[in-house]
Every structure is written in structure tokens, then in C-alpha cells.
């Protein structure tokens, strides 16, 4: 008997299932509910979510592509570790991408690009106001992604998105250093980037992007230094 192709409704439900699992695991990993190194048991997860293992496996493939989970040689899956020892190389690349994408956006942006960037900034400002850390992380990503899109270089865009995705747990730790009450200063810094891009001021866009990256990097480094001193004292 010839197997009939899946109906659009079946494919849609399957896609929705993958999205459902992906979003739950992504948020739990970013929010450090699932800490680095913790195993992900597909059977337990299937029972917990009342789903088959197929959408779970597809969601794990997507999470692996974003650097959030790692498949081990024995085919088990764990939450990826955060490579604290090589954070300096990550920070160098992140800072460079902040600068180059903002510079290019100031040079090549269109009115439509500005509209999208402003919309993403409004969403970020709302997340900051409501002290929703996961929303701050996702809207911050979309804000900088919109800037990178306006720069018209798909290679920079791809690299920057990869760095933003890999850095989401570090950003979660960063926001926790403020008890998720992010100062208005950081919303204002985004507004400054938007204004420089709108004015097509490439030099100013570069300078503000570098300053924005530097304050994030310095805050994380200071927080890590404080934690190390506390551990030594104990």
C-alpha cells in the first residue's frame, strides 16, 4: 500500500511541536534552570511534555546549532558548558561585530530599516521596564539583528547572530548582576545608536557601539572577579 504524504495540518502540528519544545528548553537553558553540563533525558522530557521523541530530537538539533546543547560521542545530550577560560576571545569578536554592523547600518540603512530598528528598540525598552530578563535577552538580540540587517552584509549578520545566540547565558548572568532591574542608561545607549544610524554618522555609530560593548564586557568581568574573591574568602 502506498504511503500517503503528510497533510499540511499534520506538518503544521509537527512544526508547532518542535517550536514548543525548542522554546521551553531554550528558555530553561538561558535562564540557567538547566545549568551547564546538565543532561537532557529525551524519555523524561517526552513524558513531561506529553510528546513523542521526534519533535524533541528536532528541537535539540536546533539548540545544538545555536551552541546551547552538545551531543556527546555516546549520543547523549547535555547543556553546553560556558567557556569562561576563553571569554576574552568571545568578547573581542562580539565587540568587533557591534562596531562593524553599526557602522555599516549608519552607511546603508533605509527608511524601512529605521522603522524596524525603532520597533525592536521599543520592544527592548518595554522588556526593561517590566524587568522581564528573558524578554530583554530576546529583544536585545532582535534589536542588534535589525541593525546588522541594515548593514547589508550577510556574512557579518551570520557571525553576529551566532555570537549573540552563544552569549545569551552570559547576558542572563549580566542582567542578574542588576537583579534584572536594568538601568535606564542601557535603554538610552540603544537610543543613541539609533540616532547615530539615522543621522548616517558612521564615526559616532562606531564610537557608541564600542562603548556599548565595553560596558557590557566590563560589567561581566567585574562580576566574575567579585565571585572569585567570594569563593576564595570562603
Protein backbone atom coordinates (compact mmCIF):
# COMPACT_ATOMS: atom_id res chain seq x y z
CA UNK A 1 0.00 0.00 0.00
CA UNK A 2 1.40 3.37 -0.98
CA UNK A 3 2.10 5.66 1.97
CA UNK A 4 0.15 8.86 1.68
CA UNK A 5 2.07 12.14 2.12
CA UNK A 6 1.52 14.04 5.33
CA UNK A 7 -1.25 16.58 5.20
CA UNK A 8 -0.47 20.29 5.71
CA UNK A 9 -2.28 20.10 9.07
CA UNK A 10 -0.05 17.23 10.21
CA UNK A 11 3.11 19.06 9.15
CA UNK A 12 1.92 22.22 10.87
CA UNK A 13 1.25 20.36 14.12
CA UNK A 14 4.65 18.72 13.94
CA UNK A 15 6.32 22.09 13.38
CA UNK A 16 4.40 23.58 16.27
CA UNK A 17 5.56 20.70 18.49
CA UNK A 18 9.22 21.31 17.63
CA UNK A 19 8.77 25.03 18.30
CA UNK A 20 7.07 24.28 21.63
CA UNK A 21 9.88 22.01 22.84
CA UNK A 22 12.58 24.33 21.50
CA UNK A 23 11.20 27.39 23.28
CA UNK A 24 10.80 25.58 26.61
CA UNK A 25 14.34 24.16 26.55
CA UNK A 26 15.85 27.38 25.21
CA UNK A 27 14.32 29.44 28.00
CA UNK A 28 15.28 26.94 30.71
CA UNK A 29 18.88 26.83 29.43
CA UNK A 30 19.21 30.61 29.08
CA UNK A 31 17.58 31.20 32.47
CA UNK A 32 20.06 28.66 33.92
CA UNK A 33 17.23 26.47 35.22
CA UNK A 34 19.11 23.82 33.26
CA UNK A 35 22.72 24.62 34.24
CA UNK A 36 25.75 24.00 32.03
CA UNK A 37 26.67 20.32 31.87
CA UNK A 38 23.26 19.02 32.95
CA UNK A 39 21.99 16.01 30.96
CA UNK A 40 18.86 16.16 28.83
CA UNK A 41 16.90 12.92 29.05
CA UNK A 42 14.71 12.58 25.96
CA UNK A 43 12.47 9.95 27.58
CA UNK A 44 11.80 12.03 30.70
CA UNK A 45 11.28 15.12 28.57
CA UNK A 46 8.78 13.27 26.35
CA UNK A 47 6.85 12.18 29.44
CA UNK A 48 6.97 15.64 30.97
CA UNK A 49 5.69 17.36 27.82
CA UNK A 50 3.38 14.51 26.74
CA UNK A 51 5.05 14.38 23.33
CA UNK A 52 6.83 11.87 21.13
CA UNK A 53 10.62 11.94 20.98
CA UNK A 54 10.69 13.06 17.33
CA UNK A 55 9.96 16.78 17.91
CA UNK A 56 12.24 16.68 20.95
CA UNK A 57 15.13 15.40 18.85
CA UNK A 58 14.48 18.06 16.19
CA UNK A 59 14.39 20.77 18.84
CA UNK A 60 17.71 19.50 20.24
CA UNK A 61 19.27 19.71 16.76
CA UNK A 62 18.21 23.35 16.58
CA UNK A 63 19.57 24.08 20.05
CA UNK A 64 22.84 22.38 19.15
CA UNK A 65 23.12 24.66 16.13
CA UNK A 66 22.85 27.63 18.48
CA UNK A 67 25.55 26.25 20.80
CA UNK A 68 23.17 25.68 23.72
CA UNK A 69 23.39 21.86 23.84
CA UNK A 70 26.12 19.39 22.94
CA UNK A 71 25.74 15.82 21.68
CA UNK A 72 28.36 13.54 23.23
CA UNK A 73 30.06 10.57 21.49
CA UNK A 74 27.68 8.17 23.26
CA UNK A 75 24.82 10.12 21.63
CA UNK A 76 23.56 11.55 24.90
CA UNK A 77 22.87 15.28 25.05
CA UNK A 78 23.94 17.79 27.69
CA UNK A 79 23.59 21.53 28.16
CA UNK A 80 26.73 23.12 26.68
CA UNK A 81 29.31 24.45 29.10
CA UNK A 82 30.19 28.15 29.15
CA UNK A 83 33.83 28.51 28.14
CA UNK A 84 34.89 31.01 30.81
CA UNK A 85 38.59 30.45 30.11
CA UNK A 86 38.28 31.78 26.55
CA UNK A 87 35.77 34.54 27.19
CA UNK A 88 38.32 37.14 26.12
CA UNK A 89 38.23 35.83 22.54
CA UNK A 90 34.43 35.83 22.58
CA UNK A 91 34.37 39.41 23.88
CA UNK A 92 36.84 40.53 21.21
CA UNK A 93 34.69 39.09 18.44
CA UNK A 94 31.47 40.44 19.97
CA UNK A 95 32.87 43.96 20.30
CA UNK A 96 34.10 43.91 16.71
CA UNK A 97 30.67 42.83 15.46
CA UNK A 98 28.90 45.53 17.49
CA UNK A 99 31.14 48.10 15.83
CA UNK A 100 31.18 46.90 12.24
CA UNK A 101 27.44 46.20 11.99
CA UNK A 102 26.51 49.57 13.50
CA UNK A 103 28.97 51.38 11.21
CA UNK A 104 27.51 49.68 8.14
CA UNK A 105 23.95 50.38 9.27
CA UNK A 106 24.78 54.08 9.52
CA UNK A 107 26.11 53.94 5.97
CA UNK A 108 23.49 51.81 4.22
CA UNK A 109 20.26 51.94 6.25
CA UNK A 110 16.97 52.69 4.51
CA UNK A 111 13.86 54.34 5.98
CA UNK A 112 12.30 50.88 6.25
CA UNK A 113 15.35 49.65 8.19
CA UNK A 114 14.98 52.53 10.63
CA UNK A 115 11.35 51.66 11.21
CA UNK A 116 12.26 48.06 12.10
CA UNK A 117 15.15 49.13 14.34
CA UNK A 118 12.94 51.59 16.24
CA UNK A 119 10.29 48.90 16.67
CA UNK A 120 12.82 46.45 18.09
CA UNK A 121 14.13 49.16 20.43
CA UNK A 122 10.60 49.86 21.70
CA UNK A 123 10.21 46.15 22.49
CA UNK A 124 13.53 46.15 24.36
CA UNK A 125 12.57 49.25 26.35
CA UNK A 126 9.28 47.59 27.35
CA UNK A 127 11.10 44.43 28.47
CA UNK A 128 13.45 46.55 30.60
CA UNK A 129 10.51 48.43 32.11
CA UNK A 130 8.74 45.18 33.05
CA UNK A 131 12.01 43.62 34.32
CA UNK A 132 11.48 40.54 32.14
CA UNK A 133 15.01 39.16 31.78
CA UNK A 134 14.26 36.59 29.07
CA UNK A 135 12.37 39.20 27.07
CA UNK A 136 15.31 41.60 27.49
CA UNK A 137 17.64 38.98 26.08
CA UNK A 138 15.45 38.15 23.08
CA UNK A 139 14.58 41.77 22.24
CA UNK A 140 18.21 42.85 22.62
CA UNK A 141 19.13 40.15 20.08
CA UNK A 142 16.45 41.31 17.65
CA UNK A 143 17.48 44.95 18.05
CA UNK A 144 21.08 44.26 17.12
CA UNK A 145 20.00 41.80 14.41
CA UNK A 146 17.92 44.56 12.82
CA UNK A 147 20.95 46.85 12.86
CA UNK A 148 23.08 44.13 11.25
CA UNK A 149 20.39 43.54 8.60
CA UNK A 150 20.52 47.25 7.75
CA UNK A 151 24.27 46.92 7.14
CA UNK A 152 23.64 44.73 4.07
CA UNK A 153 26.43 42.22 4.75
CA UNK A 154 25.08 38.68 5.23
CA UNK A 155 28.43 37.34 6.43
CA UNK A 156 28.64 39.83 9.28
CA UNK A 157 24.98 39.20 10.04
CA UNK A 158 25.51 35.44 10.30
CA UNK A 159 28.55 35.77 12.55
CA UNK A 160 26.91 38.37 14.77
CA UNK A 161 23.77 36.26 15.25
CA UNK A 162 25.92 33.30 16.20
CA UNK A 163 27.75 35.40 18.81
CA UNK A 164 24.51 36.87 20.15
CA UNK A 165 22.99 33.39 20.44
CA UNK A 166 26.04 31.89 22.13
CA UNK A 167 26.21 34.84 24.52
CA UNK A 168 22.62 34.65 25.76
CA UNK A 169 23.52 32.87 29.00
CA UNK A 170 26.28 35.38 29.68
CA UNK A 171 23.72 38.12 29.11
CA UNK A 172 21.43 36.38 31.60
CA UNK A 173 24.22 36.47 34.17
CA UNK A 174 24.86 40.10 33.25
CA UNK A 175 21.23 41.10 33.84
CA UNK A 176 21.18 39.16 37.12
CA UNK A 177 24.01 41.40 38.36
CA UNK A 178 21.37 44.17 38.33
CA UNK A 179 18.69 41.88 39.86
CA UNK A 180 17.01 42.20 36.44
CA UNK A 181 16.48 45.93 37.08
CA UNK A 182 18.49 47.17 34.13
CA UNK A 183 19.34 50.87 34.50
CA UNK A 184 17.74 53.31 32.07
CA UNK A 185 21.27 54.06 30.86
CA UNK A 186 21.26 50.94 28.71
CA UNK A 187 17.99 51.84 27.02
CA UNK A 188 19.45 55.29 26.38
CA UNK A 189 22.57 53.74 24.84
CA UNK A 190 20.37 51.91 22.33
CA UNK A 191 18.58 55.19 21.59
CA UNK A 192 21.97 56.78 20.91
CA UNK A 193 22.83 54.04 18.42
CA UNK A 194 19.53 54.57 16.63
CA UNK A 195 20.12 58.33 16.43
CA UNK A 196 23.63 57.88 15.01
CA UNK A 197 22.35 55.41 12.42
CA UNK A 198 19.53 57.76 11.46
CA UNK A 199 22.00 60.66 11.09
CA UNK A 200 24.31 58.46 8.99
CA UNK A 201 27.14 59.44 11.34
CA UNK A 202 29.47 56.48 10.81
CA UNK A 203 32.18 57.64 13.23
CA UNK A 204 29.68 58.30 16.02
CA UNK A 205 27.93 54.97 15.41
CA UNK A 206 31.28 53.20 15.70
CA UNK A 207 32.22 55.01 18.90
CA UNK A 208 28.86 54.44 20.59
CA UNK A 209 28.81 50.76 19.61
CA UNK A 210 32.31 50.27 21.06
CA UNK A 211 31.27 51.99 24.30
CA UNK A 212 28.10 49.91 24.49
CA UNK A 213 30.06 46.68 24.08
CA UNK A 214 32.75 47.77 26.53
CA UNK A 215 30.34 48.48 29.38
CA UNK A 216 28.74 45.03 28.97
CA UNK A 217 32.12 43.29 28.89
CA UNK A 218 33.47 45.26 31.86
CA UNK A 219 30.35 44.59 33.95
CA UNK A 220 30.61 40.84 33.35
CA UNK A 221 34.34 40.84 34.12
CA UNK A 222 33.83 42.79 37.37
CA UNK A 223 31.04 40.46 38.40
CA UNK A 224 33.19 37.39 37.75
CA UNK A 225 36.06 38.94 39.74
CA UNK A 226 33.74 39.56 42.69
CA UNK A 227 32.54 35.97 42.58
CA UNK A 228 36.11 34.65 42.58
CA UNK A 229 37.03 36.76 45.61
CA UNK A 230 33.99 35.47 47.49
CA UNK A 231 34.94 31.88 46.77
CA UNK A 232 38.49 32.45 47.96
CA UNK A 233 37.21 34.03 51.19
CA UNK A 234 35.03 31.02 51.88
